[in-house]
Amino acid sequence: MKVKGRSILIEFRYDTQLLIEGKNLDEDKIRDYFLNNFKGDCLIAVGDSELIKIHFHTNEPWQVLEYCASLGEIYDIVVEDMDRQSRGLKG
């Protein structure tokens, strides 16, 4: 997020969060895939071989969901529009 005067400029609009449940998940490989294939910031990919928590700011949350779904079952999915939130609206 960048602040310019009173308005907030958001480079990556969607705060995308979810859990991936699967087998043989590797948080390092998942993190590397994100960094090499998606534009965004604030990446968190933590967990173990059966459950990974993802947090990522991006303009293309559908790509994140598609990739994560290819790794296992995804749930607790939250996609919030931080631009709307910055304007005092429901995200």
C-alpha atoms as a PDB file:
ATOM      1  CA  MET A   1       0.000   0.000   0.000  1.00  0.00           C
ATOM      2  CA  LYS A   2       1.297   3.469  -0.815  1.00  0.00           C
ATOM      3  CA  VAL A   3      -0.011   6.628   0.814  1.00  0.00           C
ATOM      4  CA  LYS A   4      -0.176   9.803  -1.251  1.00  0.00           C
ATOM      5  CA  GLY A   5      -1.732  12.725   0.530  1.00  0.00           C
ATOM      6  CA  ARG A   6      -5.038  11.493   1.901  1.00  0.00           C
ATOM      7  CA  SER A   7      -5.752   8.831  -0.724  1.00  0.00           C
ATOM      8  CA  ILE A   8      -4.312   5.354  -0.492  1.00  0.00           C
ATOM      9  CA  LEU A   9      -2.928   3.817  -3.674  1.00  0.00           C
ATOM     10  CA  ILE A  10      -3.090   0.041  -3.653  1.00  0.00           C
ATOM     11  CA  GLU A  11      -0.831  -1.740  -6.118  1.00  0.00           C
ATOM     12  CA  PHE A  12      -2.302  -5.201  -5.479  1.00  0.00           C
ATOM     13  CA  ARG A  13      -6.012  -4.940  -4.832  1.00  0.00           C
ATOM     14  CA  TYR A  14      -7.154  -8.331  -3.520  1.00  0.00           C
ATOM     15  CA  ASP A  15      -6.172  -9.822  -0.173  1.00  0.00           C
ATOM     16  CA  THR A  16      -6.428 -13.549  -0.902  1.00  0.00           C
ATOM     17  CA  GLN A  17      -6.390 -16.093   1.918  1.00  0.00           C
ATOM     18  CA  LEU A  18      -7.095 -19.815   1.987  1.00  0.00           C
ATOM     19  CA  LEU A  19      -6.094 -23.201   3.315  1.00  0.00           C
ATOM     20  CA  ILE A  20      -4.853 -26.068   1.138  1.00  0.00           C
ATOM     21  CA  GLU A  21      -5.355 -29.591   2.459  1.00  0.00           C
ATOM     22  CA  GLY A  22      -3.536 -32.373   0.663  1.00  0.00           C
ATOM     23  CA  LYS A  23      -0.669 -34.818   0.745  1.00  0.00           C
ATOM     24  CA  ASN A  24       3.047 -34.160   0.323  1.00  0.00           C
ATOM     25  CA  LEU A  25       2.554 -30.388   0.256  1.00  0.00           C
ATOM     26  CA  ASP A  26       5.803 -28.402   0.311  1.00  0.00           C
ATOM     27  CA  GLU A  27       5.575 -24.804   1.516  1.00  0.00           C
ATOM     28  CA  ASP A  28       8.948 -23.915  -0.050  1.00  0.00           C
ATOM     29  CA  LYS A  29       7.901 -25.171  -3.495  1.00  0.00           C
ATOM     30  CA  ILE A  30       4.537 -23.414  -3.197  1.00  0.00           C
ATOM     31  CA  ARG A  31       6.228 -20.163  -2.120  1.00  0.00           C
ATOM     32  CA  ASP A  32       8.690 -20.405  -5.032  1.00  0.00           C
ATOM     33  CA  TYR A  33       5.847 -21.041  -7.481  1.00  0.00           C
ATOM     34  CA  PHE A  34       4.042 -17.916  -6.256  1.00  0.00           C
ATOM     35  CA  LEU A  35       7.160 -15.767  -6.508  1.00  0.00           C
ATOM     36  CA  ASN A  36       7.951 -16.989 -10.026  1.00  0.00           C
ATOM     37  CA  ASN A  37       4.434 -17.053 -11.509  1.00  0.00           C
ATOM     38  CA  PHE A  38       2.226 -14.464  -9.810  1.00  0.00           C
ATOM     39  CA  LYS A  39       2.429 -10.711  -9.422  1.00  0.00           C
ATOM     40  CA  GLY A  40       1.720  -9.606  -5.870  1.00  0.00           C
ATOM     41  CA  ASP A  41       3.113  -9.024  -2.411  1.00  0.00           C
ATOM     42  CA  CYS A  42       2.738  -9.899   1.276  1.00  0.00           C
ATOM     43  CA  LEU A  43       3.075 -13.636   0.580  1.00  0.00           C
ATOM     44  CA  ILE A  44       2.725 -16.053   3.455  1.00  0.00           C
ATOM     45  CA  ALA A  45       2.831 -19.780   2.691  1.00  0.00           C
ATOM     46  CA  VAL A  46       3.213 -21.795   5.891  1.00  0.00           C
ATOM     47  CA  GLY A  47       2.229 -25.215   7.110  1.00  0.00           C
ATOM     48  CA  ASP A  48       3.207 -28.835   6.808  1.00  0.00           C
ATOM     49  CA  SER A  49       2.884 -31.685   4.324  1.00  0.00           C
ATOM     50  CA  GLU A  50      -0.908 -31.911   4.811  1.00  0.00           C
ATOM     51  CA  LEU A  51      -2.062 -28.311   5.401  1.00  0.00           C
ATOM     52  CA  ILE A  52      -0.771 -24.991   4.042  1.00  0.00           C
ATOM     53  CA  LYS A  53      -2.061 -21.496   4.878  1.00  0.00           C
ATOM     54  CA  ILE A  54      -1.815 -18.974   2.036  1.00  0.00           C
ATOM     55  CA  HIS A  55      -2.013 -15.195   2.332  1.00  0.00           C
ATOM     56  CA  PHE A  56      -1.248 -13.095  -0.756  1.00  0.00           C
ATOM     57  CA  HIS A  57      -2.090  -9.675  -2.191  1.00  0.00           C
ATOM     58  CA  THR A  58      -2.695  -9.811  -5.956  1.00  0.00           C
ATOM     59  CA  ASN A  59      -4.807  -8.373  -8.754  1.00  0.00           C
ATOM     60  CA  GLU A  60      -5.645 -11.873 -10.047  1.00  0.00           C
ATOM     61  CA  PRO A  61      -6.980 -13.956  -7.154  1.00  0.00           C
ATOM     62  CA  TRP A  62      -8.586 -16.459  -9.545  1.00  0.00           C
ATOM     63  CA  GLN A  63      -5.104 -17.559 -10.663  1.00  0.00           C
ATOM     64  CA  VAL A  64      -4.112 -18.177  -7.039  1.00  0.00           C
ATOM     65  CA  LEU A  65      -7.291 -20.201  -6.428  1.00  0.00           C
ATOM     66  CA  GLU A  66      -6.783 -22.259  -9.588  1.00  0.00           C
ATOM     67  CA  TYR A  67      -3.172 -23.104  -8.698  1.00  0.00           C
ATOM     68  CA  CYS A  68      -3.953 -23.929  -5.074  1.00  0.00           C
ATOM     69  CA  ALA A  69      -6.887 -26.134  -6.086  1.00  0.00           C
ATOM     70  CA  SER A  70      -4.484 -28.127  -8.273  1.00  0.00           C
ATOM     71  CA  LEU A  71      -2.493 -28.999  -5.111  1.00  0.00           C
ATOM     72  CA  GLY A  72      -5.349 -30.265  -2.972  1.00  0.00           C
ATOM     73  CA  GLU A  73      -8.666 -29.298  -1.474  1.00  0.00           C
ATOM     74  CA  ILE A  74      -9.005 -25.567  -0.790  1.00  0.00           C
ATOM     75  CA  TYR A  75     -11.270 -24.070   1.862  1.00  0.00           C
ATOM     76  CA  ASP A  76     -11.679 -21.112   4.236  1.00  0.00           C
ATOM     77  CA  ILE A  77     -11.316 -18.974   1.120  1.00  0.00           C
ATOM     78  CA  VAL A  78     -11.394 -15.208   1.650  1.00  0.00           C
ATOM     79  CA  VAL A  79     -10.876 -12.661  -1.123  1.00  0.00           C
ATOM     80  CA  GLU A  80     -11.214  -9.084   0.073  1.00  0.00           C
ATOM     81  CA  ASP A  81     -11.088  -5.967  -2.090  1.00  0.00           C
ATOM     82  CA  MET A  82      -8.662  -3.694  -0.249  1.00  0.00           C
ATOM     83  CA  ASP A  83      -9.444  -0.785  -2.586  1.00  0.00           C
ATOM     84  CA  ARG A  84     -13.077  -0.848  -1.489  1.00  0.00           C
ATOM     85  CA  GLN A  85     -12.009  -1.165   2.130  1.00  0.00           C
ATOM     86  CA  SER A  86      -9.719   1.871   1.817  1.00  0.00           C
ATOM     87  CA  ARG A  87     -12.778   3.865   0.691  1.00  0.00           C
ATOM     88  CA  GLY A  88     -14.750   2.763   3.755  1.00  0.00           C
ATOM     89  CA  LEU A  89     -16.845   0.202   1.880  1.00  0.00           C
ATOM     90  CA  LYS A  90     -17.308  -3.478   2.603  1.00  0.00           C
ATOM     91  CA  GLY A  91     -14.444  -5.428   0.995  1.00  0.00           C
END
